[in-house]
């Protein structure tokens, strides 16, 4: 599945997935890398899926 890079909007893929604890329960976090080699680590629900 491809996502928009949060920094440049180019296609990006998830390289790592995991869950971290938070005050409202566990949150899925992802490590994303785009074709321009930008890296984003953050909550999975903040990513936009490319259609």
Protein backbone atom coordinates (compact mmCIF):
# COMPACT_ATOMS: atom_id res chain seq x y z
CA UNK A 1 0.00 0.00 0.00
CA UNK A 2 1.31 3.47 -0.89
CA UNK A 3 0.87 6.61 1.20
CA UNK A 4 1.53 10.32 0.65
CA UNK A 5 4.82 11.43 2.18
CA UNK A 6 3.92 13.89 4.98
CA UNK A 7 6.83 16.13 3.92
CA UNK A 8 6.67 16.26 0.11
CA UNK A 9 3.54 14.35 -0.99
CA UNK A 10 5.45 11.81 -3.11
CA UNK A 11 4.64 8.08 -2.85
CA UNK A 12 5.87 6.46 0.36
CA UNK A 13 5.83 2.96 1.83
CA UNK A 14 5.68 1.73 5.41
CA UNK A 15 8.92 0.05 6.44
CA UNK A 16 8.04 -0.75 10.07
CA UNK A 17 4.80 -0.99 12.07
CA UNK A 18 4.30 -1.23 15.80
CA UNK A 19 2.10 -0.18 18.69
CA UNK A 20 3.01 2.20 21.47
CA UNK A 21 1.11 2.89 24.68
CA UNK A 22 -0.68 6.21 25.16
CA UNK A 23 -2.99 7.72 27.76
CA UNK A 24 -6.01 6.61 25.70
CA UNK A 25 -4.79 3.09 24.85
CA UNK A 26 -2.39 1.61 22.32
CA UNK A 27 -1.66 3.58 19.12
CA UNK A 28 -0.30 2.08 15.90
CA UNK A 29 2.89 3.86 14.79
CA UNK A 30 4.65 3.47 11.45
CA UNK A 31 8.02 4.25 9.94
CA UNK A 32 7.50 5.58 6.40
CA UNK A 33 10.09 6.27 3.71
CA UNK A 34 9.32 8.04 0.42
CA UNK A 35 10.97 7.95 -3.01
CA UNK A 36 12.84 11.20 -2.14
CA UNK A 37 14.27 9.39 0.93
CA UNK A 38 12.30 11.42 3.49
CA UNK A 39 11.50 9.54 6.70
CA UNK A 40 8.46 9.91 8.93
CA UNK A 41 7.81 8.14 12.22
CA UNK A 42 4.42 8.72 13.75
CA UNK A 43 0.83 7.57 14.20
CA UNK A 44 -0.55 5.51 11.32
CA UNK A 45 -3.86 7.38 11.30
CA UNK A 46 -2.07 10.59 10.26
CA UNK A 47 -1.12 9.15 6.83
CA UNK A 48 -3.14 9.61 3.64
CA UNK A 49 -3.50 6.58 1.38
CA UNK A 50 -2.72 7.14 -2.31
CA UNK A 51 -5.61 6.12 -4.51
